[in-house]
Amino acid sequence: MSTAQDDTAVVTVGVGPWEGEWPTDDRYDPELLRDGDRRNVVDQYRYWRLEAIVADLDARRHPFHVAIENWQHDFNIGSIVRTANAFAAAEVHIIGKRRWNRRGAMVTDRYQHVRHHESVEAFAAWAAGEGLPVLGIDNVDGSVPIETASLPAACVLVFGQEGPGLSEQARAVCDRTLSIAQFGSTRSINAGAAAAITMHAWIRQHADI
């Protein structure tokens, strides 16, 4: 018979102190080996130093980038950074205000490269210099359904603010604008959800799964 106490048992995340002889590999963090590793990382990276995890990710990041406009301190940015980390995006680009709400990132911004651009023009100049096509994600007239679109392997996926979507300036620098099929009554979906759908569309086309 289960009890209320059983139903509310606290689940401990991560692992405790390393048992047995410590590894000599310099990727391991002595403090984590001693105290345990309660971070939100996959098992492969348990007890690894932060710098070692970032270096390993850098060796196998995907060639797509993610950008989001930040004129209103959108709370979705943290969620987008977290998803970009999950899909090993090359970088996340914040266009506009430098400050953003990191709560939704769940500290994944420590492992994910994040670059700031003061304006759409500065971002467009960077993308052009890198030779990366800019793909806007917005349900506007003339957009191409992402469900049937072929995405470039190396590109930047750009998202607008919650509600208004991409600004006119951002739409003007996009090589293409893609839409996400919707079937209900709402005009748009959450920007964080749209970013996750779009990144996964890229993963399905290009990642070695």
Protein backbone atom coordinates (compact mmCIF):
# COMPACT_ATOMS: atom_id res chain seq x y z
CA MET A 1 0.00 0.00 0.00
CA SER A 2 1.37 3.41 -0.95
CA THR A 3 1.31 6.31 1.45
CA ALA A 4 1.14 10.05 0.99
CA GLN A 5 4.77 10.18 2.01
CA ASP A 6 5.67 7.70 -0.75
CA ASP A 7 3.77 9.77 -3.32
CA THR A 8 5.66 12.95 -2.45
CA ALA A 9 9.13 11.44 -2.20
CA VAL A 10 11.86 13.80 -3.39
CA VAL A 11 13.78 12.59 -6.43
CA THR A 12 17.48 13.37 -6.17
CA VAL A 13 19.02 14.60 -9.41
CA GLY A 14 22.51 13.60 -10.43
CA VAL A 15 25.05 11.44 -8.63
CA GLY A 16 26.84 11.47 -5.31
CA PRO A 17 30.59 11.51 -4.63
CA TRP A 18 32.74 9.27 -6.83
CA GLU A 19 33.15 5.82 -5.37
CA GLY A 20 36.55 4.14 -5.57
CA GLU A 21 39.79 5.41 -7.05
CA TRP A 22 39.46 8.77 -8.75
CA PRO A 23 40.06 9.01 -12.53
CA THR A 24 43.24 10.77 -13.60
CA ASP A 25 41.73 12.30 -16.74
CA ASP A 26 42.02 16.10 -16.45
CA ARG A 27 38.47 16.52 -17.76
CA TYR A 28 37.20 15.56 -14.31
CA ASP A 29 36.58 18.19 -11.63
CA PRO A 30 38.06 17.28 -8.21
CA GLU A 31 35.30 19.13 -6.35
CA LEU A 32 32.58 17.26 -8.22
CA LEU A 33 34.33 13.96 -7.65
CA ARG A 34 34.47 14.75 -3.94
CA ASP A 35 31.00 16.25 -3.44
CA GLY A 36 28.91 14.69 -6.20
CA ASP A 37 27.48 16.13 -9.42
CA ARG A 38 23.90 17.43 -9.22
CA ARG A 39 23.97 19.40 -12.47
CA ASN A 40 21.47 18.99 -15.29
CA VAL A 41 23.89 17.26 -17.67
CA VAL A 42 23.78 13.96 -19.54
CA ASP A 43 25.56 11.01 -17.96
CA GLN A 44 28.46 11.32 -20.39
CA TYR A 45 29.45 14.59 -18.71
CA ARG A 46 29.06 13.57 -15.07
CA TYR A 47 31.91 14.94 -12.95
CA TRP A 48 33.43 16.79 -15.93
CA ARG A 49 34.70 20.34 -15.59
CA LEU A 50 32.58 23.02 -17.28
CA GLU A 51 35.42 23.91 -19.65
CA ALA A 52 35.83 20.25 -20.65
CA ILE A 53 32.13 19.94 -21.47
CA VAL A 54 32.17 23.09 -23.61
CA ALA A 55 35.29 21.89 -25.44
CA ASP A 56 33.68 18.54 -26.19
CA LEU A 57 30.51 20.24 -27.45
CA ASP A 58 32.57 22.60 -29.60
CA ALA A 59 34.05 19.60 -31.38
CA ARG A 60 30.64 18.42 -32.56
CA ARG A 61 28.25 21.37 -32.67
CA HIS A 62 25.90 21.56 -35.63
CA PRO A 63 26.36 24.31 -38.24
CA PHE A 64 23.01 26.01 -37.69
CA HIS A 65 22.68 29.18 -35.60
CA VAL A 66 19.65 30.60 -33.80
CA ALA A 67 18.86 34.29 -33.44
CA ILE A 68 16.09 36.10 -31.59
CA GLU A 69 15.17 39.75 -31.43
CA ASN A 70 15.22 41.20 -27.93
CA TRP A 71 13.47 44.56 -27.88
CA GLN A 72 11.08 43.74 -25.01
CA HIS A 73 13.14 41.39 -22.78
CA ASP A 74 11.27 38.36 -24.08
CA PHE A 75 11.03 35.59 -21.46
CA ASN A 76 11.28 33.01 -24.27
CA ILE A 77 14.98 33.68 -24.83
CA GLY A 78 16.05 31.47 -21.94
CA SER A 79 13.94 28.62 -23.25
CA ILE A 80 15.41 29.05 -26.73
CA VAL A 81 18.96 28.95 -25.35
CA ARG A 82 18.13 25.74 -23.49
CA THR A 83 16.72 24.11 -26.64
CA ALA A 84 19.68 25.30 -28.71
CA ASN A 85 21.97 23.60 -26.22
CA ALA A 86 19.93 20.39 -26.41
CA PHE A 87 20.29 20.33 -30.21
CA ALA A 88 23.96 21.46 -30.17
CA ALA A 89 23.44 24.66 -32.14
CA ALA A 90 26.59 26.53 -33.12
CA GLU A 91 25.55 29.76 -31.39
CA VAL A 92 22.57 31.72 -30.15
CA HIS A 93 22.41 35.37 -31.22
CA ILE A 94 20.59 38.04 -29.22
CA ILE A 95 19.60 41.01 -31.39
CA GLY A 96 18.80 44.24 -29.57
CA LYS A 97 19.07 44.65 -25.82
CA ARG A 98 22.04 42.88 -24.29
CA ARG A 99 20.26 41.84 -21.10
CA TRP A 100 17.88 38.89 -21.23
CA ASN A 101 16.07 36.73 -18.70
CA ARG A 102 18.29 33.72 -18.04
CA ARG A 103 15.90 31.84 -15.77
CA GLY A 104 14.42 29.73 -18.55
CA ALA A 105 17.89 28.70 -19.73
CA MET A 106 18.34 26.54 -16.63
CA VAL A 107 22.09 27.42 -16.63
CA THR A 108 22.55 25.90 -20.11
CA ASP A 109 23.94 29.28 -21.20
CA ARG A 110 27.15 28.18 -19.46
CA TYR A 111 27.57 25.52 -22.14
CA GLN A 112 26.00 27.32 -25.11
CA HIS A 113 27.80 30.10 -27.00
CA VAL A 114 25.68 33.28 -26.95
CA ARG A 115 26.59 36.30 -29.09
CA HIS A 116 25.06 39.80 -28.90
CA HIS A 117 24.32 42.16 -31.82
CA GLU A 118 23.21 45.70 -31.08
CA SER A 119 20.95 45.94 -34.13
CA VAL A 120 19.47 43.96 -37.00
CA GLU A 121 21.96 45.67 -39.30
CA ALA A 122 24.90 44.50 -37.19
CA PHE A 123 23.51 40.97 -37.12
CA ALA A 124 22.95 40.96 -40.90
CA ALA A 125 26.51 42.15 -41.47
CA TRP A 126 27.84 39.32 -39.29
CA ALA A 127 25.74 36.69 -41.12
CA ALA A 128 26.84 38.02 -44.52
CA GLY A 129 30.47 37.91 -43.41
CA GLU A 130 30.04 34.27 -42.39
CA GLY A 131 28.25 33.41 -45.64
CA LEU A 132 25.19 32.17 -43.73
CA PRO A 133 21.68 32.43 -45.21
CA VAL A 134 19.18 34.00 -42.81
CA LEU A 135 15.85 32.19 -42.47
CA GLY A 136 13.07 34.03 -40.67
CA ILE A 137 10.39 32.07 -38.84
CA ASP A 138 7.04 33.85 -38.91
CA ASN A 139 3.51 33.07 -40.07
CA VAL A 140 3.15 35.94 -42.53
CA ASP A 141 1.95 36.22 -46.12
CA GLY A 142 4.48 34.75 -48.53
CA SER A 143 6.15 32.47 -45.99
CA VAL A 144 7.03 28.90 -47.01
CA PRO A 145 5.74 25.99 -44.88
CA ILE A 146 8.66 24.61 -42.91
CA GLU A 147 7.08 21.16 -43.16
CA THR A 148 7.96 21.01 -46.87
CA ALA A 149 10.97 23.35 -46.98
CA SER A 150 14.55 22.21 -47.50
CA LEU A 151 16.75 23.84 -44.87
CA PRO A 152 20.41 24.64 -45.56
CA ALA A 153 22.86 22.78 -43.35
CA ALA A 154 24.64 26.02 -42.42
CA CYS A 155 22.17 28.83 -41.72
CA VAL A 156 20.71 31.16 -39.11
CA LEU A 157 17.14 30.64 -37.90
CA VAL A 158 15.70 33.97 -36.76
CA PHE A 159 12.76 34.48 -34.41
CA GLY A 160 10.86 37.60 -33.39
CA GLN A 161 9.29 38.69 -30.15
CA GLU A 162 6.28 37.02 -28.61
CA GLY A 163 3.20 38.51 -30.25
CA PRO A 164 4.47 40.89 -32.95
CA GLY A 165 6.83 38.34 -34.50
CA LEU A 166 9.75 39.46 -36.63
CA SER A 167 10.26 43.20 -36.99
CA GLU A 168 10.12 44.78 -40.44
CA GLN A 169 13.90 45.27 -40.28
CA ALA A 170 14.47 41.59 -39.52
CA ARG A 171 12.13 40.41 -42.29
CA ALA A 172 14.00 42.63 -44.74
CA VAL A 173 17.33 40.85 -44.13
CA CYS A 174 15.90 37.32 -44.35
CA ASP A 175 16.66 35.27 -47.44
CA ARG A 176 13.46 33.32 -46.83
CA THR A 177 10.65 33.32 -44.30
CA LEU A 178 9.23 30.01 -43.11
CA SER A 179 5.93 29.31 -41.37
CA ILE A 180 4.80 26.57 -38.99
CA ALA A 181 1.46 24.93 -39.82
CA GLN A 182 -1.28 25.63 -37.28
CA PHE A 183 -4.80 24.25 -37.16
CA GLY A 184 -6.46 25.90 -34.17
CA SER A 185 -7.87 29.34 -33.38
CA THR A 186 -4.76 31.11 -32.07
CA ARG A 187 -2.89 33.42 -34.42
CA SER A 188 0.55 32.36 -33.25
CA ILE A 189 2.32 29.92 -30.95
CA ASN A 190 4.80 30.59 -28.18
CA ALA A 191 8.16 31.78 -29.56
CA GLY A 192 10.03 29.21 -27.50
CA ALA A 193 7.82 26.43 -28.90
CA ALA A 194 8.28 27.75 -32.45
CA ALA A 195 12.04 27.73 -31.99
CA ALA A 196 11.99 24.14 -30.71
CA ILE A 197 9.87 22.99 -33.66
CA THR A 198 12.16 24.74 -36.14
CA MET A 199 15.39 23.43 -34.63
CA HIS A 200 13.99 19.92 -34.63
CA ALA A 201 13.02 20.33 -38.30
CA TRP A 202 16.69 21.08 -39.00
CA ILE A 203 17.74 18.07 -36.88
CA ARG A 204 15.45 15.75 -38.86
CA GLN A 205 17.00 16.91 -42.14
CA HIS A 206 20.68 17.10 -41.23
CA ALA A 207 21.64 15.48 -37.93
CA ASP A 208 23.25 12.07 -37.73
CA ILE A 209 20.61 10.37 -35.57
